[in-house]
Amino acid sequence: MNKIFYIMGKSATGKDTIYSKILQKCDWLKTIVLYTTRPMRNGEVEGITYHFCDNKQLEVLAEMNKIVESRTYHTDKVIGLMLQ
């Protein structure tokens, strides 16, 4: 049976560094590209960093039973105002 290993943690905790080192030593591992509905950030590449999709596309994947796990993150936008 195949297994999926997932490295997760807070931002800037070294996930990418650990991931790179594991791939260097375990060339038999295959990578997967996750899907996200959040907007693409600077430096990210479609199909490499993530597959970027909208909520409608996510619903279609769910109807096709293609989703292994789904998470929702609730974040607040911070808006700075300069008052004069």
PDB file of N, CA and C in Angstrom:
ATOM      1  N   MET A   1       0.844  -1.181   0.000  1.00  0.00           N
ATOM      2  CA  MET A   1       0.000   0.000   0.000  1.00  0.00           C
ATOM      3  C   MET A   1       0.889   1.242   0.000  1.00  0.00           C
ATOM      4  N   ASN A   2       0.544   2.194  -0.838  1.00  0.00           N
ATOM      5  CA  ASN A   2       1.273   3.460  -0.879  1.00  0.00           C
ATOM      6  C   ASN A   2       0.888   4.329   0.297  1.00  0.00           C
ATOM      7  N   LYS A   3       1.798   5.165   0.717  1.00  0.00           N
ATOM      8  CA  LYS A   3       1.546   6.071   1.834  1.00  0.00           C
ATOM      9  C   LYS A   3       1.807   7.497   1.385  1.00  0.00           C
ATOM     10  N   ILE A   4       1.125   8.427   2.030  1.00  0.00           N
ATOM     11  CA  ILE A   4       1.354   9.840   1.800  1.00  0.00           C
ATOM     12  C   ILE A   4       1.934  10.420   3.078  1.00  0.00           C
ATOM     13  N   PHE A   5       3.071  11.077   2.954  1.00  0.00           N
ATOM     14  CA  PHE A   5       3.694  11.768   4.079  1.00  0.00           C
ATOM     15  C   PHE A   5       3.531  13.259   3.835  1.00  0.00           C
ATOM     16  N   TYR A   6       3.211  13.974   4.879  1.00  0.00           N
ATOM     17  CA  TYR A   6       2.949  15.406   4.755  1.00  0.00           C
ATOM     18  C   TYR A   6       3.708  16.140   5.848  1.00  0.00           C
ATOM     19  N   ILE A   7       4.456  17.139   5.459  1.00  0.00           N
ATOM     20  CA  ILE A   7       5.188  17.967   6.427  1.00  0.00           C
ATOM     21  C   ILE A   7       4.385  19.244   6.623  1.00  0.00           C
ATOM     22  N   MET A   8       4.006  19.513   7.862  1.00  0.00           N
ATOM     23  CA  MET A   8       3.250  20.731   8.110  1.00  0.00           C
ATOM     24  C   MET A   8       3.777  21.436   9.348  1.00  0.00           C
ATOM     25  N   GLY A   9       3.559  22.722   9.369  1.00  0.00           N
ATOM     26  CA  GLY A   9       3.994  23.520  10.498  1.00  0.00           C
ATOM     27  C   GLY A   9       3.780  24.990  10.191  1.00  0.00           C
ATOM     28  N   LYS A  10       4.039  25.813  11.153  1.00  0.00           N
ATOM     29  CA  LYS A  10       3.864  27.251  10.984  1.00  0.00           C
ATOM     30  C   LYS A  10       4.843  27.791   9.953  1.00  0.00           C
ATOM     31  N   SER A  11       4.544  28.969   9.460  1.00  0.00           N
ATOM     32  CA  SER A  11       5.424  29.630   8.496  1.00  0.00           C
ATOM     33  C   SER A  11       6.812  29.836   9.084  1.00  0.00           C
ATOM     34  N   ALA A  12       7.809  29.689   8.234  1.00  0.00           N
ATOM     35  CA  ALA A  12       9.211  29.948   8.581  1.00  0.00           C
ATOM     36  C   ALA A  12       9.765  29.016   9.659  1.00  0.00           C
ATOM     37  N   THR A  13       9.272  27.774   9.717  1.00  0.00           N
ATOM     38  CA  THR A  13       9.788  26.814  10.696  1.00  0.00           C
ATOM     39  C   THR A  13      10.760  25.815  10.089  1.00  0.00           C
ATOM     40  N   GLY A  14      11.021  25.937   8.773  1.00  0.00           N
ATOM     41  CA  GLY A  14      11.992  25.062   8.132  1.00  0.00           C
ATOM     42  C   GLY A  14      11.408  23.895   7.365  1.00  0.00           C
ATOM     43  N   LYS A  15      10.117  23.932   7.065  1.00  0.00           N
ATOM     44  CA  LYS A  15       9.485  22.829   6.337  1.00  0.00           C
ATOM     45  C   LYS A  15      10.144  22.585   4.987  1.00  0.00           C
ATOM     46  N   ASP A  16      10.368  23.636   4.228  1.00  0.00           N
ATOM     47  CA  ASP A  16      10.965  23.485   2.898  1.00  0.00           C
ATOM     48  C   ASP A  16      12.390  22.943   2.987  1.00  0.00           C
ATOM     49  N   THR A  17      13.134  23.357   3.978  1.00  0.00           N
ATOM     50  CA  THR A  17      14.497  22.864   4.165  1.00  0.00           C
ATOM     51  C   THR A  17      14.490  21.371   4.467  1.00  0.00           C
ATOM     52  N   ILE A  18      13.643  20.958   5.380  1.00  0.00           N
ATOM     53  CA  ILE A  18      13.532  19.535   5.729  1.00  0.00           C
ATOM     54  C   ILE A  18      13.084  18.733   4.512  1.00  0.00           C
ATOM     55  N   TYR A  19      12.098  19.252   3.788  1.00  0.00           N
ATOM     56  CA  TYR A  19      11.574  18.592   2.594  1.00  0.00           C
ATOM     57  C   TYR A  19      12.679  18.381   1.562  1.00  0.00           C
ATOM     58  N   SER A  20      13.480  19.397   1.313  1.00  0.00           N
ATOM     59  CA  SER A  20      14.575  19.301   0.338  1.00  0.00           C
ATOM     60  C   SER A  20      15.593  18.246   0.754  1.00  0.00           C
ATOM     61  N   LYS A  21      15.933  18.221   2.028  1.00  0.00           N
ATOM     62  CA  LYS A  21      16.927  17.264   2.515  1.00  0.00           C
ATOM     63  C   LYS A  21      16.399  15.832   2.430  1.00  0.00           C
ATOM     64  N   ILE A  22      15.125  15.633   2.729  1.00  0.00           N
ATOM     65  CA  ILE A  22      14.531  14.295   2.617  1.00  0.00           C
ATOM     66  C   ILE A  22      14.552  13.836   1.162  1.00  0.00           C
ATOM     67  N   LEU A  23      14.191  14.720   0.231  1.00  0.00           N
ATOM     68  CA  LEU A  23      14.188  14.345  -1.190  1.00  0.00           C
ATOM     69  C   LEU A  23      15.592  14.013  -1.688  1.00  0.00           C
ATOM     70  N   GLN A  24      16.622  14.682  -1.163  1.00  0.00           N
ATOM     71  CA  GLN A  24      18.001  14.389  -1.564  1.00  0.00           C
ATOM     72  C   GLN A  24      18.412  12.977  -1.142  1.00  0.00           C
ATOM     73  N   LYS A  25      17.969  12.557   0.032  1.00  0.00           N
ATOM     74  CA  LYS A  25      18.380  11.260   0.564  1.00  0.00           C
ATOM     75  C   LYS A  25      17.458  10.114   0.146  1.00  0.00           C
ATOM     76  N   CYS A  26      16.228  10.419  -0.188  1.00  0.00           N
ATOM     77  CA  CYS A  26      15.234   9.381  -0.512  1.00  0.00           C
ATOM     78  C   CYS A  26      14.694   9.603  -1.922  1.00  0.00           C
ATOM     79  N   ASP A  27      15.527   9.285  -2.915  1.00  0.00           N
ATOM     80  CA  ASP A  27      15.126   9.552  -4.294  1.00  0.00           C
ATOM     81  C   ASP A  27      13.974   8.673  -4.772  1.00  0.00           C
ATOM     82  N   TRP A  28      13.576   7.704  -3.983  1.00  0.00           N
ATOM     83  CA  TRP A  28      12.448   6.841  -4.324  1.00  0.00           C
ATOM     84  C   TRP A  28      11.108   7.496  -3.992  1.00  0.00           C
ATOM     85  N   LEU A  29      11.136   8.589  -3.214  1.00  0.00           N
ATOM     86  CA  LEU A  29       9.895   9.293  -2.897  1.00  0.00           C
ATOM     87  C   LEU A  29       9.404  10.079  -4.108  1.00  0.00           C
ATOM     88  N   LYS A  30       8.101  10.145  -4.257  1.00  0.00           N
ATOM     89  CA  LYS A  30       7.494  10.956  -5.306  1.00  0.00           C
ATOM     90  C   LYS A  30       6.792  12.128  -4.653  1.00  0.00           C
ATOM     91  N   THR A  31       6.769  13.250  -5.343  1.00  0.00           N
ATOM     92  CA  THR A  31       6.118  14.426  -4.786  1.00  0.00           C
ATOM     93  C   THR A  31       4.711  14.577  -5.352  1.00  0.00           C
ATOM     94  N   ILE A  32       3.870  15.244  -4.603  1.00  0.00           N
ATOM     95  CA  ILE A  32       2.542  15.600  -5.079  1.00  0.00           C
ATOM     96  C   ILE A  32       2.391  17.110  -4.947  1.00  0.00           C
ATOM     97  N   VAL A  33       1.557  17.666  -5.776  1.00  0.00           N
ATOM     98  CA  VAL A  33       1.295  19.102  -5.723  1.00  0.00           C
ATOM     99  C   VAL A  33      -0.126  19.279  -5.195  1.00  0.00           C
ATOM    100  N   LEU A  34      -0.254  19.987  -4.098  1.00  0.00           N
ATOM    101  CA  LEU A  34      -1.546  20.196  -3.465  1.00  0.00           C
ATOM    102  C   LEU A  34      -2.346  21.272  -4.185  1.00  0.00           C
ATOM    103  N   TYR A  35      -3.631  21.306  -3.926  1.00  0.00           N
ATOM    104  CA  TYR A  35      -4.530  22.326  -4.461  1.00  0.00           C
ATOM    105  C   TYR A  35      -4.838  23.336  -3.368  1.00  0.00           C
ATOM    106  N   THR A  36      -5.027  24.581  -3.760  1.00  0.00           N
ATOM    107  CA  THR A  36      -5.429  25.621  -2.820  1.00  0.00           C
ATOM    108  C   THR A  36      -6.361  26.606  -3.511  1.00  0.00           C
ATOM    109  N   THR A  37      -7.266  27.176  -2.730  1.00  0.00           N
ATOM    110  CA  THR A  37      -8.165  28.199  -3.267  1.00  0.00           C
ATOM    111  C   THR A  37      -7.685  29.600  -2.927  1.00  0.00           C
ATOM    112  N   ARG A  38      -6.577  29.701  -2.222  1.00  0.00           N
ATOM    113  CA  ARG A  38      -6.072  31.038  -1.900  1.00  0.00           C
ATOM    114  C   ARG A  38      -5.383  31.629  -3.118  1.00  0.00           C
ATOM    115  N   PRO A  39      -5.260  32.950  -3.152  1.00  0.00           N
ATOM    116  CA  PRO A  39      -4.590  33.593  -4.285  1.00  0.00           C
ATOM    117  C   PRO A  39      -3.102  33.234  -4.337  1.00  0.00           C
ATOM    118  N   MET A  40      -2.560  33.219  -5.535  1.00  0.00           N
ATOM    119  CA  MET A  40      -1.146  32.952  -5.733  1.00  0.00           C
ATOM    120  C   MET A  40      -0.319  34.107  -5.164  1.00  0.00           C
ATOM    121  N   ARG A  41       0.758  33.779  -4.488  1.00  0.00           N
ATOM    122  CA  ARG A  41       1.666  34.779  -3.932  1.00  0.00           C
ATOM    123  C   ARG A  41       2.843  34.986  -4.878  1.00  0.00           C
ATOM    124  N   ASN A  42       3.554  36.077  -4.681  1.00  0.00           N
ATOM    125  CA  ASN A  42       4.747  36.350  -5.489  1.00  0.00           C
ATOM    126  C   ASN A  42       5.728  35.193  -5.375  1.00  0.00           C
ATOM    127  N   GLY A  43       6.267  34.776  -6.510  1.00  0.00           N
ATOM    128  CA  GLY A  43       7.253  33.704  -6.525  1.00  0.00           C
ATOM    129  C   GLY A  43       6.671  32.312  -6.642  1.00  0.00           C
ATOM    130  N   GLU A  44       5.368  32.158  -6.459  1.00  0.00           N
ATOM    131  CA  GLU A  44       4.753  30.842  -6.582  1.00  0.00           C
ATOM    132  C   GLU A  44       4.469  30.537  -8.050  1.00  0.00           C
ATOM    133  N   VAL A  45       4.484  29.257  -8.385  1.00  0.00           N
ATOM    134  CA  VAL A  45       4.294  28.830  -9.767  1.00  0.00           C
ATOM    135  C   VAL A  45       3.181  27.791  -9.815  1.00  0.00           C
ATOM    136  N   GLU A  46       2.198  28.015 -10.672  1.00  0.00           N
ATOM    137  CA  GLU A  46       1.103  27.066 -10.862  1.00  0.00           C
ATOM    138  C   GLU A  46       1.662  25.695 -11.240  1.00  0.00           C
ATOM    139  N   GLY A  47       1.183  24.675 -10.529  1.00  0.00           N
ATOM    140  CA  GLY A  47       1.595  23.315 -10.822  1.00  0.00           C
ATOM    141  C   GLY A  47       2.886  22.892 -10.159  1.00  0.00           C
ATOM    142  N   ILE A  48       3.598  23.830  -9.566  1.00  0.00           N
ATOM    143  CA  ILE A  48       4.829  23.498  -8.843  1.00  0.00           C
ATOM    144  C   ILE A  48       4.639  23.776  -7.363  1.00  0.00           C
ATOM    145  N   THR A  49       4.265  25.015  -7.033  1.00  0.00           N
ATOM    146  CA  THR A  49       4.021  25.360  -5.636  1.00  0.00           C
ATOM    147  C   THR A  49       2.696  24.744  -5.189  1.00  0.00           C
ATOM    148  N   TYR A  50       1.664  25.008  -5.935  1.00  0.00           N
ATOM    149  CA  TYR A  50       0.310  24.484  -5.726  1.00  0.00           C
ATOM    150  C   TYR A  50      -0.386  24.432  -7.073  1.00  0.00           C
ATOM    151  N   HIS A  51      -1.532  23.760  -7.092  1.00  0.00           N
ATOM    152  CA  HIS A  51      -2.501  23.946  -8.161  1.00  0.00           C
ATOM    153  C   HIS A  51      -3.495  24.953  -7.592  1.00  0.00           C
ATOM    154  N   PHE A  52      -3.600  26.101  -8.214  1.00  0.00           N
ATOM    155  CA  PHE A  52      -4.496  27.143  -7.722  1.00  0.00           C
ATOM    156  C   PHE A  52      -5.850  26.969  -8.402  1.00  0.00           C
ATOM    157  N   CYS A  53      -6.894  26.894  -7.592  1.00  0.00           N
ATOM    158  CA  CYS A  53      -8.230  26.705  -8.139  1.00  0.00           C
ATOM    159  C   CYS A  53      -9.218  27.582  -7.370  1.00  0.00           C
ATOM    160  N   ASP A  54     -10.415  27.699  -7.917  1.00  0.00           N
ATOM    161  CA  ASP A  54     -11.443  28.463  -7.216  1.00  0.00           C
ATOM    162  C   ASP A  54     -12.383  27.491  -6.498  1.00  0.00           C
ATOM    163  N   ASN A  55     -13.331  28.041  -5.765  1.00  0.00           N
ATOM    164  CA  ASN A  55     -14.248  27.205  -4.982  1.00  0.00           C
ATOM    165  C   ASN A  55     -15.081  26.274  -5.861  1.00  0.00           C
ATOM    166  N   LYS A  56     -15.444  26.713  -7.052  1.00  0.00           N
ATOM    167  CA  LYS A  56     -16.228  25.877  -7.970  1.00  0.00           C
ATOM    168  C   LYS A  56     -15.417  24.646  -8.385  1.00  0.00           C
ATOM    169  N   GLN A  57     -14.157  24.860  -8.739  1.00  0.00           N
ATOM    170  CA  GLN A  57     -13.294  23.733  -9.104  1.00  0.00           C
ATOM    171  C   GLN A  57     -13.121  22.772  -7.929  1.00  0.00           C
ATOM    172  N   LEU A  58     -13.034  23.307  -6.723  1.00  0.00           N
ATOM    173  CA  LEU A  58     -12.919  22.478  -5.526  1.00  0.00           C
ATOM    174  C   LEU A  58     -14.162  21.625  -5.338  1.00  0.00           C
ATOM    175  N   GLU A  59     -15.329  22.206  -5.583  1.00  0.00           N
ATOM    176  CA  GLU A  59     -16.582  21.453  -5.478  1.00  0.00           C
ATOM    177  C   GLU A  59     -16.610  20.302  -6.477  1.00  0.00           C
ATOM    178  N   VAL A  60     -16.138  20.547  -7.696  1.00  0.00           N
ATOM    179  CA  VAL A  60     -16.098  19.494  -8.720  1.00  0.00           C
ATOM    180  C   VAL A  60     -15.182  18.355  -8.266  1.00  0.00           C
ATOM    181  N   LEU A  61     -14.014  18.691  -7.731  1.00  0.00           N
ATOM    182  CA  LEU A  61     -13.100  17.655  -7.231  1.00  0.00           C
ATOM    183  C   LEU A  61     -13.745  16.859  -6.097  1.00  0.00           C
ATOM    184  N   ALA A  62     -14.477  17.528  -5.240  1.00  0.00           N
ATOM    185  CA  ALA A  62     -15.154  16.854  -4.132  1.00  0.00           C
ATOM    186  C   ALA A  62     -16.228  15.895  -4.656  1.00  0.00           C
ATOM    187  N   GLU A  63     -16.994  16.328  -5.649  1.00  0.00           N
ATOM    188  CA  GLU A  63     -18.032  15.479  -6.236  1.00  0.00           C
ATOM    189  C   GLU A  63     -17.437  14.233  -6.895  1.00  0.00           C
ATOM    190  N   MET A  64     -16.202  14.355  -7.376  1.00  0.00           N
ATOM    191  CA  MET A  64     -15.518  13.233  -8.016  1.00  0.00           C
ATOM    192  C   MET A  64     -14.760  12.363  -7.011  1.00  0.00           C
ATOM    193  N   ASN A  65     -14.919  12.656  -5.714  1.00  0.00           N
ATOM    194  CA  ASN A  65     -14.207  11.944  -4.643  1.00  0.00           C
ATOM    195  C   ASN A  65     -12.693  11.970  -4.836  1.00  0.00           C
ATOM    196  N   LYS A  66     -12.168  13.115  -5.246  1.00  0.00           N
ATOM    197  CA  LYS A  66     -10.740  13.274  -5.494  1.00  0.00           C
ATOM    198  C   LYS A  66     -10.017  13.948  -4.325  1.00  0.00           C
ATOM    199  N   ILE A  67     -10.735  14.330  -3.295  1.00  0.00           N
ATOM    200  CA  ILE A  67     -10.127  15.054  -2.174  1.00  0.00           C
ATOM    201  C   ILE A  67      -9.803  14.086  -1.042  1.00  0.00           C
ATOM    202  N   VAL A  68      -8.539  14.085  -0.639  1.00  0.00           N
ATOM    203  CA  VAL A  68      -8.100  13.251   0.472  1.00  0.00           C
ATOM    204  C   VAL A  68      -8.352  13.955   1.792  1.00  0.00           C
ATOM    205  N   GLU A  69      -8.037  15.244   1.826  1.00  0.00           N
ATOM    206  CA  GLU A  69      -8.220  16.035   3.039  1.00  0.00           C
ATOM    207  C   GLU A  69      -8.480  17.475   2.637  1.00  0.00           C
ATOM    208  N   SER A  70      -9.310  18.139   3.409  1.00  0.00           N
ATOM    209  CA  SER A  70      -9.619  19.541   3.147  1.00  0.00           C
ATOM    210  C   SER A  70      -9.519  20.306   4.454  1.00  0.00           C
ATOM    211  N   ARG A  71      -8.936  21.483   4.380  1.00  0.00           N
ATOM    212  CA  ARG A  71      -8.811  22.334   5.568  1.00  0.00           C
ATOM    213  C   ARG A  71      -9.276  23.726   5.234  1.00  0.00           C
ATOM    214  N   THR A  72      -9.821  24.374   6.230  1.00  0.00           N
ATOM    215  CA  THR A  72     -10.243  25.762   6.095  1.00  0.00           C
ATOM    216  C   THR A  72      -9.487  26.589   7.122  1.00  0.00           C
ATOM    217  N   TYR A  73      -8.899  27.646   6.651  1.00  0.00           N
ATOM    218  CA  TYR A  73      -8.187  28.557   7.535  1.00  0.00           C
ATOM    219  C   TYR A  73      -8.948  29.869   7.582  1.00  0.00           C
ATOM    220  N   HIS A  74      -9.192  30.350   8.771  1.00  0.00           N
ATOM    221  CA  HIS A  74      -9.876  31.631   8.943  1.00  0.00           C
ATOM    222  C   HIS A  74      -8.828  32.666   9.336  1.00  0.00           C
ATOM    223  N   THR A  75      -8.644  33.610   8.465  1.00  0.00           N
ATOM    224  CA  THR A  75      -7.651  34.642   8.746  1.00  0.00           C
ATOM    225  C   THR A  75      -8.331  36.000   8.665  1.00  0.00           C
ATOM    226  N   ASP A  76      -7.785  36.947   9.372  1.00  0.00           N
ATOM    227  CA  ASP A  76      -8.280  38.307   9.340  1.00  0.00           C
ATOM    228  C   ASP A  76      -7.334  39.158   8.523  1.00  0.00           C
ATOM    229  N   LYS A  77      -7.888  39.996   7.712  1.00  0.00           N
ATOM    230  CA  LYS A  77      -7.059  40.943   6.973  1.00  0.00           C
ATOM    231  C   LYS A  77      -6.818  42.146   7.875  1.00  0.00           C
ATOM    232  N   VAL A  78      -5.599  42.610   7.873  1.00  0.00           N
ATOM    233  CA  VAL A  78      -5.253  43.792   8.652  1.00  0.00           C
ATOM    234  C   VAL A  78      -5.131  44.947   7.675  1.00  0.00           C
ATOM    235  N   ILE A  79      -5.864  45.957   7.938  1.00  0.00           N
ATOM    236  CA  ILE A  79      -5.853  47.150   7.086  1.00  0.00           C
ATOM    237  C   ILE A  79      -5.282  48.308   7.892  1.00  0.00           C
ATOM    238  N   GLY A  80      -4.212  48.875   7.369  1.00  0.00           N
ATOM    239  CA  GLY A  80      -3.610  50.016   8.054  1.00  0.00           C
ATOM    240  C   GLY A  80      -4.111  51.309   7.448  1.00  0.00           C
ATOM    241  N   LEU A  81      -4.519  52.206   8.273  1.00  0.00           N
ATOM    242  CA  LEU A  81      -4.979  53.516   7.823  1.00  0.00           C
ATOM    243  C   LEU A  81      -4.041  54.571   8.370  1.00  0.00           C
ATOM    244  N   MET A  82      -3.695  55.502   7.507  1.00  0.00           N
ATOM    245  CA  MET A  82      -2.884  56.617   7.959  1.00  0.00           C
ATOM    246  C   MET A  82      -3.791  57.830   8.094  1.00  0.00           C
ATOM    247  N   LEU A  83      -3.947  58.289   9.293  1.00  0.00           N
ATOM    248  CA  LEU A  83      -4.795  59.441   9.529  1.00  0.00           C
ATOM    249  C   LEU A  83      -3.940  60.698   9.575  1.00  0.00           C
ATOM    250  N   GLN A  84      -4.432  61.732   8.928  1.00  0.00           N
ATOM    251  CA  GLN A  84      -3.680  62.984   8.939  1.00  0.00           C
ATOM    252  C   GLN A  84      -4.427  64.040   9.697  1.00  0.00           C
TER     253      GLN A  84
END
